[in-house]
Amino acid sequence: MEILDKTDRRILSLLQQNARLTIQEIGKQINLSKTPVHERIKRLEREGIIDRYVTILNKKKLGNLLMIYCQVTLDRQTRDAFADFETAIRELPDVLECNRVSGTFDYLLKIVSRDMETYNYFYQEQLSVIPGTLHISSFFVMADVKNSTVLPVD
């Protein structure tokens, strides 16, 4: 992978703000013609720097009002226990993010739920029954102070 130059970083910054920008619109903003912009974007995609393009939905308008973070501790900290837990978690659509972390617990989960009753069902019937799960602590988001998908590229 080659090092990103200033132009690559500007393209990435623009696409993170609005992935629907056309090549022509990007070119106008960075003072390049369509062909070099297109070639740079294709290279960034090939190299995996641009992973994918997504649409970000408004969770409140869809009725998903609760955001919950869960700390999960497994009963064993082995490669097999981690693999089994991670396989099970990937099948749960309510789990938006799952990160194996260092510290006093093993995983930090980001979960979205319609309401407390729905989360309680998820907690009791889907999350806590994953084999090897020893302890779960849930934290309910009271306010979104900052919510961004933009990675710094400068």
N, C-alpha and C. Protein backbone atom coordinates (compact mmCIF):
# COMPACT_ATOMS: atom_id res chain seq x y z
N MET A 1 0.85 -1.18 0.00
CA MET A 1 0.00 0.00 0.00
C MET A 1 0.89 1.24 0.00
N GLU A 2 0.61 2.14 -0.91
CA GLU A 2 1.41 3.35 -0.93
C GLU A 2 0.85 4.37 0.07
N ILE A 3 1.68 5.33 0.38
CA ILE A 3 1.30 6.38 1.32
C ILE A 3 0.28 7.30 0.66
N LEU A 4 -0.68 7.74 1.43
CA LEU A 4 -1.71 8.65 0.92
C LEU A 4 -1.15 10.06 0.81
N ASP A 5 -1.36 10.68 -0.33
CA ASP A 5 -0.95 12.07 -0.47
C ASP A 5 -2.12 12.99 -0.10
N LYS A 6 -1.85 14.28 -0.18
CA LYS A 6 -2.85 15.27 0.22
C LYS A 6 -4.13 15.14 -0.59
N THR A 7 -4.02 14.88 -1.88
CA THR A 7 -5.19 14.75 -2.74
C THR A 7 -6.02 13.52 -2.36
N ASP A 8 -5.36 12.38 -2.11
CA ASP A 8 -6.08 11.18 -1.66
C ASP A 8 -6.85 11.48 -0.38
N ARG A 9 -6.21 12.16 0.53
CA ARG A 9 -6.84 12.47 1.82
C ARG A 9 -8.04 13.40 1.64
N ARG A 10 -7.94 14.32 0.72
CA ARG A 10 -9.07 15.22 0.45
C ARG A 10 -10.24 14.43 -0.16
N ILE A 11 -9.93 13.53 -1.06
CA ILE A 11 -10.97 12.69 -1.66
C ILE A 11 -11.65 11.84 -0.58
N LEU A 12 -10.86 11.22 0.27
CA LEU A 12 -11.42 10.39 1.35
C LEU A 12 -12.28 11.23 2.29
N SER A 13 -11.83 12.41 2.60
CA SER A 13 -12.58 13.29 3.48
C SER A 13 -13.94 13.64 2.87
N LEU A 14 -13.93 13.99 1.59
CA LEU A 14 -15.18 14.33 0.90
C LEU A 14 -16.13 13.13 0.85
N LEU A 15 -15.60 11.96 0.53
CA LEU A 15 -16.45 10.77 0.42
C LEU A 15 -17.01 10.35 1.77
N GLN A 16 -16.26 10.57 2.85
CA GLN A 16 -16.79 10.24 4.17
C GLN A 16 -17.96 11.14 4.54
N GLN A 17 -17.92 12.37 4.09
CA GLN A 17 -19.02 13.30 4.37
C GLN A 17 -20.23 12.99 3.50
N ASN A 18 -19.99 12.57 2.25
CA ASN A 18 -21.09 12.30 1.32
C ASN A 18 -20.61 11.34 0.24
N ALA A 19 -20.89 10.07 0.42
CA ALA A 19 -20.44 9.04 -0.53
C ALA A 19 -21.18 9.10 -1.85
N ARG A 20 -22.21 9.93 -1.94
CA ARG A 20 -22.96 10.07 -3.19
C ARG A 20 -22.42 11.16 -4.10
N LEU A 21 -21.35 11.82 -3.68
CA LEU A 21 -20.74 12.83 -4.55
C LEU A 21 -20.30 12.17 -5.85
N THR A 22 -20.52 12.83 -6.96
CA THR A 22 -20.05 12.30 -8.23
C THR A 22 -18.57 12.59 -8.38
N ILE A 23 -17.95 11.88 -9.28
CA ILE A 23 -16.54 12.11 -9.56
C ILE A 23 -16.33 13.54 -10.03
N GLN A 24 -17.26 14.04 -10.81
CA GLN A 24 -17.16 15.42 -11.29
C GLN A 24 -17.24 16.41 -10.12
N GLU A 25 -18.16 16.18 -9.18
CA GLU A 25 -18.29 17.08 -8.02
C GLU A 25 -17.02 17.06 -7.16
N ILE A 26 -16.46 15.88 -6.97
CA ILE A 26 -15.22 15.77 -6.20
C ILE A 26 -14.11 16.53 -6.93
N GLY A 27 -14.01 16.32 -8.22
CA GLY A 27 -12.99 16.99 -9.02
C GLY A 27 -13.06 18.50 -8.91
N LYS A 28 -14.28 19.04 -8.94
CA LYS A 28 -14.45 20.49 -8.81
C LYS A 28 -13.93 20.98 -7.46
N GLN A 29 -14.20 20.21 -6.40
CA GLN A 29 -13.81 20.65 -5.06
C GLN A 29 -12.31 20.55 -4.81
N ILE A 30 -11.64 19.64 -5.53
CA ILE A 30 -10.19 19.49 -5.30
C ILE A 30 -9.37 19.94 -6.51
N ASN A 31 -10.05 20.50 -7.50
CA ASN A 31 -9.38 21.07 -8.68
C ASN A 31 -8.64 20.01 -9.50
N LEU A 32 -9.33 18.90 -9.78
CA LEU A 32 -8.79 17.84 -10.64
C LEU A 32 -9.86 17.46 -11.65
N SER A 33 -9.43 16.96 -12.80
CA SER A 33 -10.40 16.48 -13.79
C SER A 33 -10.93 15.11 -13.38
N LYS A 34 -11.97 14.66 -14.08
CA LYS A 34 -12.66 13.43 -13.73
C LYS A 34 -11.75 12.19 -13.77
N THR A 35 -10.92 12.09 -14.80
CA THR A 35 -10.10 10.87 -14.96
C THR A 35 -9.15 10.62 -13.79
N PRO A 36 -8.35 11.59 -13.36
CA PRO A 36 -7.48 11.31 -12.21
C PRO A 36 -8.25 11.06 -10.91
N VAL A 37 -9.39 11.72 -10.74
CA VAL A 37 -10.21 11.47 -9.54
C VAL A 37 -10.71 10.03 -9.58
N HIS A 38 -11.23 9.62 -10.72
CA HIS A 38 -11.74 8.25 -10.87
C HIS A 38 -10.63 7.23 -10.62
N GLU A 39 -9.45 7.46 -11.19
CA GLU A 39 -8.33 6.53 -11.01
C GLU A 39 -7.91 6.45 -9.55
N ARG A 40 -7.89 7.59 -8.86
CA ARG A 40 -7.52 7.58 -7.45
C ARG A 40 -8.54 6.82 -6.61
N ILE A 41 -9.82 7.05 -6.86
CA ILE A 41 -10.87 6.35 -6.10
C ILE A 41 -10.77 4.85 -6.34
N LYS A 42 -10.60 4.44 -7.58
CA LYS A 42 -10.48 3.01 -7.89
C LYS A 42 -9.26 2.40 -7.19
N ARG A 43 -8.14 3.14 -7.15
CA ARG A 43 -6.95 2.64 -6.45
C ARG A 43 -7.22 2.52 -4.95
N LEU A 44 -7.89 3.52 -4.37
CA LEU A 44 -8.21 3.48 -2.94
C LEU A 44 -9.14 2.30 -2.62
N GLU A 45 -10.04 1.98 -3.54
CA GLU A 45 -10.91 0.81 -3.37
C GLU A 45 -10.09 -0.48 -3.48
N ARG A 46 -9.25 -0.58 -4.51
CA ARG A 46 -8.43 -1.78 -4.72
C ARG A 46 -7.53 -2.06 -3.52
N GLU A 47 -6.96 -1.00 -2.97
CA GLU A 47 -6.05 -1.16 -1.84
C GLU A 47 -6.78 -1.40 -0.52
N GLY A 48 -8.11 -1.33 -0.54
CA GLY A 48 -8.89 -1.59 0.66
C GLY A 48 -8.98 -0.40 1.61
N ILE A 49 -8.46 0.74 1.20
CA ILE A 49 -8.58 1.94 2.05
C ILE A 49 -10.04 2.36 2.10
N ILE A 50 -10.71 2.34 0.95
CA ILE A 50 -12.17 2.48 0.92
C ILE A 50 -12.71 1.07 1.03
N ASP A 51 -13.31 0.78 2.16
CA ASP A 51 -13.79 -0.57 2.46
C ASP A 51 -15.12 -0.85 1.78
N ARG A 52 -16.06 0.09 1.90
CA ARG A 52 -17.39 -0.07 1.31
C ARG A 52 -18.13 1.25 1.41
N TYR A 53 -19.24 1.32 0.69
CA TYR A 53 -20.11 2.49 0.73
C TYR A 53 -21.41 2.07 1.42
N VAL A 54 -21.89 2.88 2.36
CA VAL A 54 -23.09 2.52 3.11
C VAL A 54 -24.04 3.70 3.21
N THR A 55 -25.27 3.40 3.57
CA THR A 55 -26.26 4.42 3.87
C THR A 55 -26.49 4.40 5.38
N ILE A 56 -26.42 5.54 6.02
CA ILE A 56 -26.62 5.63 7.46
C ILE A 56 -28.06 6.04 7.71
N LEU A 57 -28.77 5.21 8.43
CA LEU A 57 -30.18 5.45 8.70
C LEU A 57 -30.38 6.18 10.02
N ASN A 58 -31.50 6.89 10.12
CA ASN A 58 -31.87 7.58 11.36
C ASN A 58 -32.59 6.58 12.25
N LYS A 59 -31.91 6.12 13.31
CA LYS A 59 -32.47 5.06 14.16
C LYS A 59 -33.77 5.48 14.85
N LYS A 60 -33.89 6.74 15.19
CA LYS A 60 -35.11 7.19 15.86
C LYS A 60 -36.31 7.12 14.92
N LYS A 61 -36.12 7.49 13.66
CA LYS A 61 -37.23 7.45 12.71
C LYS A 61 -37.64 6.03 12.37
N LEU A 62 -36.75 5.08 12.63
CA LEU A 62 -37.07 3.67 12.40
C LEU A 62 -37.61 2.98 13.66
N GLY A 63 -37.70 3.72 14.75
CA GLY A 63 -38.24 3.16 15.98
C GLY A 63 -37.20 2.50 16.87
N ASN A 64 -35.94 2.57 16.52
CA ASN A 64 -34.88 2.02 17.36
C ASN A 64 -34.37 3.12 18.28
N LEU A 65 -35.00 3.24 19.42
CA LEU A 65 -34.73 4.39 20.28
C LEU A 65 -33.66 4.16 21.33
N LEU A 66 -33.42 2.92 21.71
CA LEU A 66 -32.43 2.66 22.75
C LEU A 66 -31.10 2.25 22.15
N MET A 67 -30.05 2.87 22.62
CA MET A 67 -28.69 2.44 22.28
C MET A 67 -28.10 1.93 23.58
N ILE A 68 -27.55 0.75 23.54
CA ILE A 68 -27.02 0.10 24.74
C ILE A 68 -25.59 -0.34 24.49
N TYR A 69 -24.73 -0.14 25.45
CA TYR A 69 -23.40 -0.72 25.42
C TYR A 69 -23.37 -1.82 26.47
N CYS A 70 -22.80 -2.95 26.11
CA CYS A 70 -22.70 -4.08 27.04
C CYS A 70 -21.25 -4.49 27.19
N GLN A 71 -20.87 -4.70 28.43
CA GLN A 71 -19.58 -5.32 28.71
C GLN A 71 -19.86 -6.80 28.94
N VAL A 72 -19.16 -7.65 28.22
CA VAL A 72 -19.38 -9.09 28.33
C VAL A 72 -18.08 -9.75 28.77
N THR A 73 -18.20 -10.59 29.78
CA THR A 73 -17.08 -11.39 30.25
C THR A 73 -17.40 -12.86 30.00
N LEU A 74 -16.45 -13.57 29.43
CA LEU A 74 -16.61 -15.00 29.19
C LEU A 74 -16.08 -15.80 30.37
N ASP A 75 -16.53 -17.04 30.47
CA ASP A 75 -16.06 -17.88 31.57
C ASP A 75 -14.64 -18.41 31.34
N ARG A 76 -14.19 -18.38 30.09
CA ARG A 76 -12.82 -18.79 29.75
C ARG A 76 -12.27 -17.81 28.73
N GLN A 77 -11.00 -17.50 28.84
CA GLN A 77 -10.37 -16.61 27.87
C GLN A 77 -9.42 -17.44 27.00
N THR A 78 -10.03 -18.27 26.16
CA THR A 78 -9.26 -19.13 25.26
C THR A 78 -9.63 -18.80 23.82
N ARG A 79 -8.79 -19.22 22.92
CA ARG A 79 -9.04 -18.99 21.50
C ARG A 79 -10.39 -19.57 21.08
N ASP A 80 -10.69 -20.79 21.52
CA ASP A 80 -11.95 -21.44 21.15
C ASP A 80 -13.15 -20.70 21.74
N ALA A 81 -13.04 -20.26 22.99
CA ALA A 81 -14.15 -19.53 23.62
C ALA A 81 -14.41 -18.22 22.89
N PHE A 82 -13.35 -17.51 22.54
CA PHE A 82 -13.51 -16.27 21.78
C PHE A 82 -14.14 -16.55 20.42
N ALA A 83 -13.66 -17.56 19.73
CA ALA A 83 -14.19 -17.88 18.39
C ALA A 83 -15.66 -18.25 18.46
N ASP A 84 -16.05 -19.03 19.44
CA ASP A 84 -17.46 -19.44 19.57
C ASP A 84 -18.35 -18.24 19.86
N PHE A 85 -17.92 -17.38 20.77
CA PHE A 85 -18.70 -16.19 21.11
C PHE A 85 -18.83 -15.28 19.89
N GLU A 86 -17.74 -15.05 19.19
CA GLU A 86 -17.75 -14.15 18.03
C GLU A 86 -18.62 -14.69 16.90
N THR A 87 -18.62 -15.99 16.71
CA THR A 87 -19.50 -16.59 15.70
C THR A 87 -20.96 -16.36 16.06
N ALA A 88 -21.31 -16.54 17.32
CA ALA A 88 -22.70 -16.33 17.77
C ALA A 88 -23.11 -14.87 17.64
N ILE A 89 -22.23 -13.96 18.02
CA ILE A 89 -22.54 -12.53 17.99
C ILE A 89 -22.79 -12.04 16.57
N ARG A 90 -22.03 -12.56 15.62
CA ARG A 90 -22.20 -12.14 14.21
C ARG A 90 -23.60 -12.43 13.68
N GLU A 91 -24.31 -13.34 14.30
CA GLU A 91 -25.65 -13.72 13.87
C GLU A 91 -26.75 -12.85 14.48
N LEU A 92 -26.41 -11.94 15.36
CA LEU A 92 -27.40 -11.12 16.06
C LEU A 92 -27.49 -9.73 15.43
N PRO A 93 -28.54 -9.44 14.67
CA PRO A 93 -28.63 -8.15 13.98
C PRO A 93 -28.75 -6.94 14.91
N ASP A 94 -29.20 -7.14 16.14
CA ASP A 94 -29.29 -6.02 17.09
C ASP A 94 -27.91 -5.52 17.52
N VAL A 95 -26.90 -6.35 17.37
CA VAL A 95 -25.53 -5.97 17.74
C VAL A 95 -24.90 -5.24 16.56
N LEU A 96 -24.68 -3.94 16.75
CA LEU A 96 -24.09 -3.12 15.69
C LEU A 96 -22.58 -3.24 15.66
N GLU A 97 -21.97 -3.36 16.82
CA GLU A 97 -20.52 -3.48 16.92
C GLU A 97 -20.18 -4.45 18.04
N CYS A 98 -19.10 -5.19 17.83
CA CYS A 98 -18.58 -6.07 18.87
C CYS A 98 -17.06 -5.98 18.80
N ASN A 99 -16.47 -5.59 19.91
CA ASN A 99 -15.02 -5.45 19.97
C ASN A 99 -14.46 -6.26 21.12
N ARG A 100 -13.46 -7.09 20.83
CA ARG A 100 -12.73 -7.77 21.90
C ARG A 100 -11.76 -6.74 22.46
N VAL A 101 -11.77 -6.57 23.78
CA VAL A 101 -10.99 -5.51 24.42
C VAL A 101 -10.09 -6.07 25.51
N SER A 102 -9.13 -5.27 25.93
CA SER A 102 -8.31 -5.63 27.08
C SER A 102 -8.96 -5.03 28.32
N GLY A 103 -8.61 -5.52 29.47
CA GLY A 103 -9.14 -4.95 30.71
C GLY A 103 -9.89 -5.96 31.52
N THR A 104 -10.90 -5.48 32.24
CA THR A 104 -11.61 -6.33 33.20
C THR A 104 -12.77 -7.11 32.59
N PHE A 105 -13.06 -6.91 31.30
CA PHE A 105 -14.07 -7.69 30.60
C PHE A 105 -13.52 -8.01 29.22
N ASP A 106 -14.20 -8.89 28.49
CA ASP A 106 -13.66 -9.39 27.23
C ASP A 106 -14.18 -8.67 25.98
N TYR A 107 -15.46 -8.27 26.00
CA TYR A 107 -16.07 -7.67 24.82
C TYR A 107 -16.86 -6.43 25.18
N LEU A 108 -16.87 -5.47 24.25
CA LEU A 108 -17.73 -4.31 24.35
C LEU A 108 -18.66 -4.36 23.15
N LEU A 109 -19.96 -4.43 23.42
CA LEU A 109 -20.96 -4.51 22.37
C LEU A 109 -21.74 -3.20 22.29
N LYS A 110 -22.10 -2.83 21.07
CA LYS A 110 -23.00 -1.70 20.84
C LYS A 110 -24.27 -2.29 20.25
N ILE A 111 -25.38 -2.06 20.95
CA ILE A 111 -26.65 -2.71 20.61
C ILE A 111 -27.72 -1.65 20.44
N VAL A 112 -28.61 -1.86 19.49
CA VAL A 112 -29.74 -0.97 19.30
C VAL A 112 -31.02 -1.78 19.56
N SER A 113 -32.00 -1.12 20.19
CA SER A 113 -33.25 -1.80 20.51
C SER A 113 -34.41 -0.81 20.46
N ARG A 114 -35.57 -1.32 20.16
CA ARG A 114 -36.77 -0.46 20.06
C ARG A 114 -37.16 0.10 21.42
N ASP A 115 -37.12 -0.73 22.47
CA ASP A 115 -37.54 -0.28 23.80
C ASP A 115 -36.96 -1.24 24.84
N MET A 116 -37.23 -0.96 26.09
CA MET A 116 -36.69 -1.77 27.18
C MET A 116 -37.20 -3.21 27.13
N GLU A 117 -38.46 -3.39 26.83
CA GLU A 117 -39.02 -4.74 26.74
C GLU A 117 -38.33 -5.56 25.65
N THR A 118 -38.10 -4.94 24.51
CA THR A 118 -37.42 -5.62 23.41
C THR A 118 -35.98 -5.95 23.80
N TYR A 119 -35.31 -5.01 24.48
CA TYR A 119 -33.95 -5.28 24.91
C TYR A 119 -33.93 -6.40 25.96
N ASN A 120 -34.87 -6.39 26.87
CA ASN A 120 -34.92 -7.43 27.89
C ASN A 120 -35.05 -8.81 27.24
N TYR A 121 -35.89 -8.92 26.23
CA TYR A 121 -36.03 -10.19 25.51
C TYR A 121 -34.70 -10.56 24.86
N PHE A 122 -34.09 -9.62 24.16
CA PHE A 122 -32.80 -9.86 23.51
C PHE A 122 -31.76 -10.33 24.54
N TYR A 123 -31.71 -9.63 25.66
CA TYR A 123 -30.74 -9.94 26.72
C TYR A 123 -30.94 -11.37 27.25
N GLN A 124 -32.19 -11.70 27.57
CA GLN A 124 -32.48 -13.00 28.19
C GLN A 124 -32.47 -14.17 27.21
N GLU A 125 -32.96 -13.93 25.99
CA GLU A 125 -33.16 -15.04 25.06
C GLU A 125 -32.07 -15.19 24.01
N GLN A 126 -31.26 -14.14 23.80
CA GLN A 126 -30.25 -14.24 22.75
C GLN A 126 -28.83 -14.02 23.26
N LEU A 127 -28.62 -12.97 24.04
CA LEU A 127 -27.27 -12.63 24.46
C LEU A 127 -26.78 -13.51 25.61
N SER A 128 -27.54 -13.59 26.67
CA SER A 128 -27.08 -14.31 27.86
C SER A 128 -27.00 -15.82 27.67
N VAL A 129 -27.63 -16.33 26.63
CA VAL A 129 -27.62 -17.78 26.40
C VAL A 129 -26.47 -18.23 25.50
N ILE A 130 -25.65 -17.31 25.04
CA ILE A 130 -24.49 -17.70 24.24
C ILE A 130 -23.55 -18.50 25.14
N PRO A 131 -23.21 -19.71 24.75
CA PRO A 131 -22.34 -20.54 25.59
C PRO A 131 -21.04 -19.82 25.96
N GLY A 132 -20.68 -19.94 27.22
CA GLY A 132 -19.45 -19.33 27.71
C GLY A 132 -19.62 -17.94 28.29
N THR A 133 -20.82 -17.36 28.15
CA THR A 133 -21.06 -16.02 28.69
C THR A 133 -21.19 -16.10 30.20
N LEU A 134 -20.33 -15.40 30.90
CA LEU A 134 -20.31 -15.43 32.36
C LEU A 134 -21.02 -14.22 32.96
N HIS A 135 -20.73 -13.01 32.43
CA HIS A 135 -21.27 -11.79 33.04
C HIS A 135 -21.52 -10.75 31.95
N ILE A 136 -22.66 -10.04 32.09
CA ILE A 136 -23.02 -8.96 31.16
C ILE A 136 -23.41 -7.74 31.99
N SER A 137 -22.83 -6.61 31.65
CA SER A 137 -23.24 -5.33 32.24
C SER A 137 -23.76 -4.45 31.11
N SER A 138 -24.95 -3.91 31.30
CA SER A 138 -25.57 -3.07 30.27
C SER A 138 -25.56 -1.61 30.68
N PHE A 139 -25.27 -0.74 29.71
CA PHE A 139 -25.24 0.70 29.93
C PHE A 139 -26.11 1.35 28.86
N PHE A 140 -27.09 2.12 29.27
CA PHE A 140 -28.05 2.72 28.34
C PHE A 140 -27.64 4.15 28.01
N VAL A 141 -27.57 4.46 26.73
CA VAL A 141 -27.18 5.79 26.27
C VAL A 141 -28.32 6.76 26.57
N MET A 142 -28.00 7.83 27.28
CA MET A 142 -29.01 8.82 27.62
C MET A 142 -29.05 9.96 26.62
N ALA A 143 -27.91 10.26 25.97
CA ALA A 143 -27.86 11.32 24.96
C ALA A 143 -26.69 11.05 24.03
N ASP A 144 -26.92 11.26 22.74
CA ASP A 144 -25.84 11.21 21.76
C ASP A 144 -25.12 12.55 21.79
N VAL A 145 -23.92 12.57 22.30
CA VAL A 145 -23.15 13.79 22.36
C VAL A 145 -22.37 13.97 21.05
N LYS A 146 -21.80 12.90 20.55
CA LYS A 146 -21.14 12.90 19.26
C LYS A 146 -21.31 11.52 18.65
N ASN A 147 -21.74 11.50 17.41
CA ASN A 147 -21.95 10.24 16.72
C ASN A 147 -21.46 10.42 15.29
N SER A 148 -20.31 9.88 14.99
CA SER A 148 -19.69 10.10 13.68
C SER A 148 -19.14 8.80 13.13
N THR A 149 -19.13 8.70 11.82
CA THR A 149 -18.46 7.59 11.15
C THR A 149 -17.21 8.06 10.43
N VAL A 150 -16.87 9.34 10.57
CA VAL A 150 -15.76 9.94 9.84
C VAL A 150 -14.45 9.67 10.57
N LEU A 151 -13.52 9.01 9.87
CA LEU A 151 -12.18 8.78 10.42
C LEU A 151 -11.28 9.94 10.03
N PRO A 152 -10.41 10.39 10.93
CA PRO A 152 -9.49 11.46 10.56
C PRO A 152 -8.49 10.94 9.52
N VAL A 153 -8.30 11.68 8.45
CA VAL A 153 -7.38 11.27 7.40
C VAL A 153 -6.25 12.28 7.20
N ASP A 154 -6.18 13.28 8.05
CA ASP A 154 -5.12 14.29 7.93
C ASP A 154 -3.84 13.81 8.55
